[in-house]
C-alpha atoms as a PDB file:
ATOM      1  CA  MET A   1       0.000   0.000   0.000  1.00  0.00           C
ATOM      2  CA  MET A   2       2.805   2.398   0.896  1.00  0.00           C
ATOM      3  CA  LEU A   3       4.637   1.627  -2.352  1.00  0.00           C
ATOM      4  CA  ASN A   4       1.511   2.392  -4.414  1.00  0.00           C
ATOM      5  CA  SER A   5       1.058   5.823  -2.820  1.00  0.00           C
ATOM      6  CA  ILE A   6       4.724   6.693  -3.460  1.00  0.00           C
ATOM      7  CA  LEU A   7       4.370   5.666  -7.113  1.00  0.00           C
ATOM      8  CA  LEU A   8       1.198   7.745  -7.493  1.00  0.00           C
ATOM      9  CA  GLN A   9       2.934  10.796  -6.015  1.00  0.00           C
ATOM     10  CA  ALA A  10       5.903  10.366  -8.372  1.00  0.00           C
ATOM     11  CA  GLN A  11       3.590  10.098 -11.380  1.00  0.00           C
ATOM     12  CA  ALA A  12       1.650  13.214 -10.321  1.00  0.00           C
ATOM     13  CA  ALA A  13       4.824  15.316 -10.060  1.00  0.00           C
ATOM     14  CA  ASN A  14       6.178  14.038 -13.381  1.00  0.00           C
ATOM     15  CA  PRO A  15       4.041  16.220 -15.727  1.00  0.00           C
ATOM     16  CA  ILE A  16       5.123  19.368 -13.873  1.00  0.00           C
ATOM     17  CA  MET A  17       8.762  18.409 -14.248  1.00  0.00           C
ATOM     18  CA  GLN A  18       8.232  17.809 -17.972  1.00  0.00           C
ATOM     19  CA  PHE A  19       6.922  21.346 -18.526  1.00  0.00           C
ATOM     20  CA  LEU A  20       9.476  23.081 -16.317  1.00  0.00           C
ATOM     21  CA  PRO A  21      12.225  23.262 -19.001  1.00  0.00           C
ATOM     22  CA  ILE A  22       9.738  24.712 -21.512  1.00  0.00           C
ATOM     23  CA  VAL A  23       8.613  27.346 -19.017  1.00  0.00           C
ATOM     24  CA  LEU A  24      12.232  28.229 -18.238  1.00  0.00           C
ATOM     25  CA  ILE A  25      13.026  28.579 -21.951  1.00  0.00           C
ATOM     26  CA  ILE A  26      10.067  30.933 -22.400  1.00  0.00           C
ATOM     27  CA  VAL A  27      11.127  33.048 -19.399  1.00  0.00           C
ATOM     28  CA  VAL A  28      14.724  33.288 -20.630  1.00  0.00           C
ATOM     29  CA  PHE A  29      13.531  34.095 -24.170  1.00  0.00           C
ATOM     30  CA  TYR A  30      11.343  36.901 -22.794  1.00  0.00           C
ATOM     31  CA  PHE A  31      14.076  38.519 -20.708  1.00  0.00           C
ATOM     32  CA  PHE A  32      16.849  38.224 -23.308  1.00  0.00           C
ATOM     33  CA  MET A  33      14.954  38.764 -26.564  1.00  0.00           C
ATOM     34  CA  ILE A  34      11.479  40.265 -26.255  1.00  0.00           C
ATOM     35  CA  ARG A  35      11.918  42.723 -23.386  1.00  0.00           C
ATOM     36  CA  PRO A  36      15.068  44.440 -24.768  1.00  0.00           C
ATOM     37  CA  GLN A  37      13.430  44.743 -28.192  1.00  0.00           C
ATOM     38  CA  MET A  38      10.342  46.361 -26.649  1.00  0.00           C
ATOM     39  CA  LYS A  39      12.568  48.803 -24.724  1.00  0.00           C
ATOM     40  CA  LYS A  40      14.467  49.699 -27.887  1.00  0.00           C
ATOM     41  CA  ALA A  41      11.208  50.323 -29.782  1.00  0.00           C
ATOM     42  CA  LYS A  42       9.934  52.500 -26.915  1.00  0.00           C
ATOM     43  CA  ASP A  43      13.170  54.532 -26.899  1.00  0.00           C
ATOM     44  CA  HIS A  44      12.996  55.010 -30.690  1.00  0.00           C
ATOM     45  CA  LYS A  45       9.380  56.186 -30.485  1.00  0.00           C
ATOM     46  CA  LYS A  46      10.262  58.647 -27.708  1.00  0.00           C
ATOM     47  CA  PHE A  47      13.238  59.940 -29.731  1.00  0.00           C
ATOM     48  CA  ILE A  48      11.021  60.537 -32.783  1.00  0.00           C
ATOM     49  CA  GLU A  49       8.425  62.382 -30.691  1.00  0.00           C
ATOM     50  CA  GLU A  50      11.134  64.679 -29.250  1.00  0.00           C
ATOM     51  CA  LEU A  51      12.597  65.740 -32.619  1.00  0.00           C
ATOM     52  CA  LYS A  52      12.669  69.495 -33.177  1.00  0.00           C
ATOM     53  CA  LYS A  53      13.971  72.001 -35.702  1.00  0.00           C
ATOM     54  CA  GLY A  54      17.731  72.293 -35.689  1.00  0.00           C
ATOM     55  CA  ASP A  55      18.392  68.696 -34.562  1.00  0.00           C
ATOM     56  CA  LYS A  56      21.061  66.854 -36.503  1.00  0.00           C
ATOM     57  CA  VAL A  57      19.893  63.417 -37.590  1.00  0.00           C
ATOM     58  CA  VAL A  58      20.983  60.428 -39.619  1.00  0.00           C
ATOM     59  CA  THR A  59      18.382  58.487 -41.573  1.00  0.00           C
ATOM     60  CA  SER A  60      18.320  54.720 -41.869  1.00  0.00           C
ATOM     61  CA  ALA A  61      19.664  55.230 -45.407  1.00  0.00           C
ATOM     62  CA  GLY A  62      22.717  56.977 -43.946  1.00  0.00           C
ATOM     63  CA  ILE A  63      21.835  60.528 -45.001  1.00  0.00           C
ATOM     64  CA  HIS A  64      23.100  63.170 -42.560  1.00  0.00           C
ATOM     65  CA  GLY A  65      21.256  66.450 -42.208  1.00  0.00           C
ATOM     66  CA  LYS A  66      19.666  69.075 -40.015  1.00  0.00           C
ATOM     67  CA  ILE A  67      15.906  69.265 -39.483  1.00  0.00           C
ATOM     68  CA  VAL A  68      14.430  72.455 -40.964  1.00  0.00           C
ATOM     69  CA  ASP A  69      10.705  71.579 -40.875  1.00  0.00           C
ATOM     70  CA  LEU A  70       8.534  69.078 -38.976  1.00  0.00           C
ATOM     71  CA  ASN A  71       5.075  67.751 -39.773  1.00  0.00           C
ATOM     72  CA  GLU A  72       3.006  65.145 -37.963  1.00  0.00           C
ATOM     73  CA  THR A  73       4.549  62.173 -39.787  1.00  0.00           C
ATOM     74  CA  THR A  74       7.381  63.656 -41.846  1.00  0.00           C
ATOM     75  CA  PHE A  75      10.316  66.016 -41.508  1.00  0.00           C
ATOM     76  CA  LEU A  76      12.397  68.047 -43.927  1.00  0.00           C
ATOM     77  CA  ILE A  77      16.167  67.892 -43.588  1.00  0.00           C
ATOM     78  CA  GLU A  78      18.769  70.102 -45.155  1.00  0.00           C
ATOM     79  CA  VAL A  79      21.852  68.277 -46.355  1.00  0.00           C
ATOM     80  CA  GLU A  80      25.177  69.663 -47.508  1.00  0.00           C
ATOM     81  CA  GLY A  81      24.851  72.172 -50.324  1.00  0.00           C
ATOM     82  CA  GLY A  82      21.467  73.434 -49.138  1.00  0.00           C
ATOM     83  CA  THR A  83      19.480  70.578 -50.669  1.00  0.00           C
ATOM     84  CA  LYS A  84      16.311  69.746 -48.752  1.00  0.00           C
ATOM     85  CA  ILE A  85      14.825  66.249 -48.601  1.00  0.00           C
ATOM     86  CA  ARG A  86      11.575  65.122 -46.944  1.00  0.00           C
ATOM     87  CA  PHE A  87      11.556  61.848 -44.981  1.00  0.00           C
ATOM     88  CA  ASP A  88       9.106  59.903 -42.912  1.00  0.00           C
ATOM     89  CA  LYS A  89       9.852  60.201 -39.187  1.00  0.00           C
ATOM     90  CA  SER A  90      10.347  56.445 -38.909  1.00  0.00           C
ATOM     91  CA  ALA A  91      13.390  56.775 -41.203  1.00  0.00           C
ATOM     92  CA  VAL A  92      15.498  58.313 -38.412  1.00  0.00           C
ATOM     93  CA  SER A  93      18.209  56.063 -37.058  1.00  0.00           C
ATOM     94  CA  LEU A  94      18.243  56.417 -33.279  1.00  0.00           C
ATOM     95  CA  ASP A  95      21.740  55.007 -32.694  1.00  0.00           C
ATOM     96  CA  ALA A  96      23.445  56.914 -35.507  1.00  0.00           C
ATOM     97  CA  SER A  97      21.668  60.176 -34.649  1.00  0.00           C
ATOM     98  CA  LYS A  98      22.719  59.952 -31.012  1.00  0.00           C
ATOM     99  CA  ALA A  99      26.305  59.240 -32.077  1.00  0.00           C
ATOM    100  CA  ILE A 100      26.598  62.471 -34.097  1.00  0.00           C
ATOM    101  CA  SER A 101      24.872  64.514 -31.384  1.00  0.00           C
ATOM    102  CA  LYS A 102      27.601  63.775 -28.827  1.00  0.00           C
END
């Protein structure tokens, strides 16, 4: 009788132990992949919202310029030689723009 109850307890704990590695993988994946990506997206969105005239930016295409006009979704930058180009705000590269601002 005692042996049967021990076997039943071992079988009941077994399914939990089978799912534990999967749960741990999901937790690790969240903290090392998803959470940093969400933070980076949040920082990029905040950076775009804080753009103002006179800021020096670099686009994702690598074009360097100074903002001369801002609209709701676009901005106009002046590049070397006085040429002005309009871009969508999402085209700003956060990392490259911060690097030239320092």
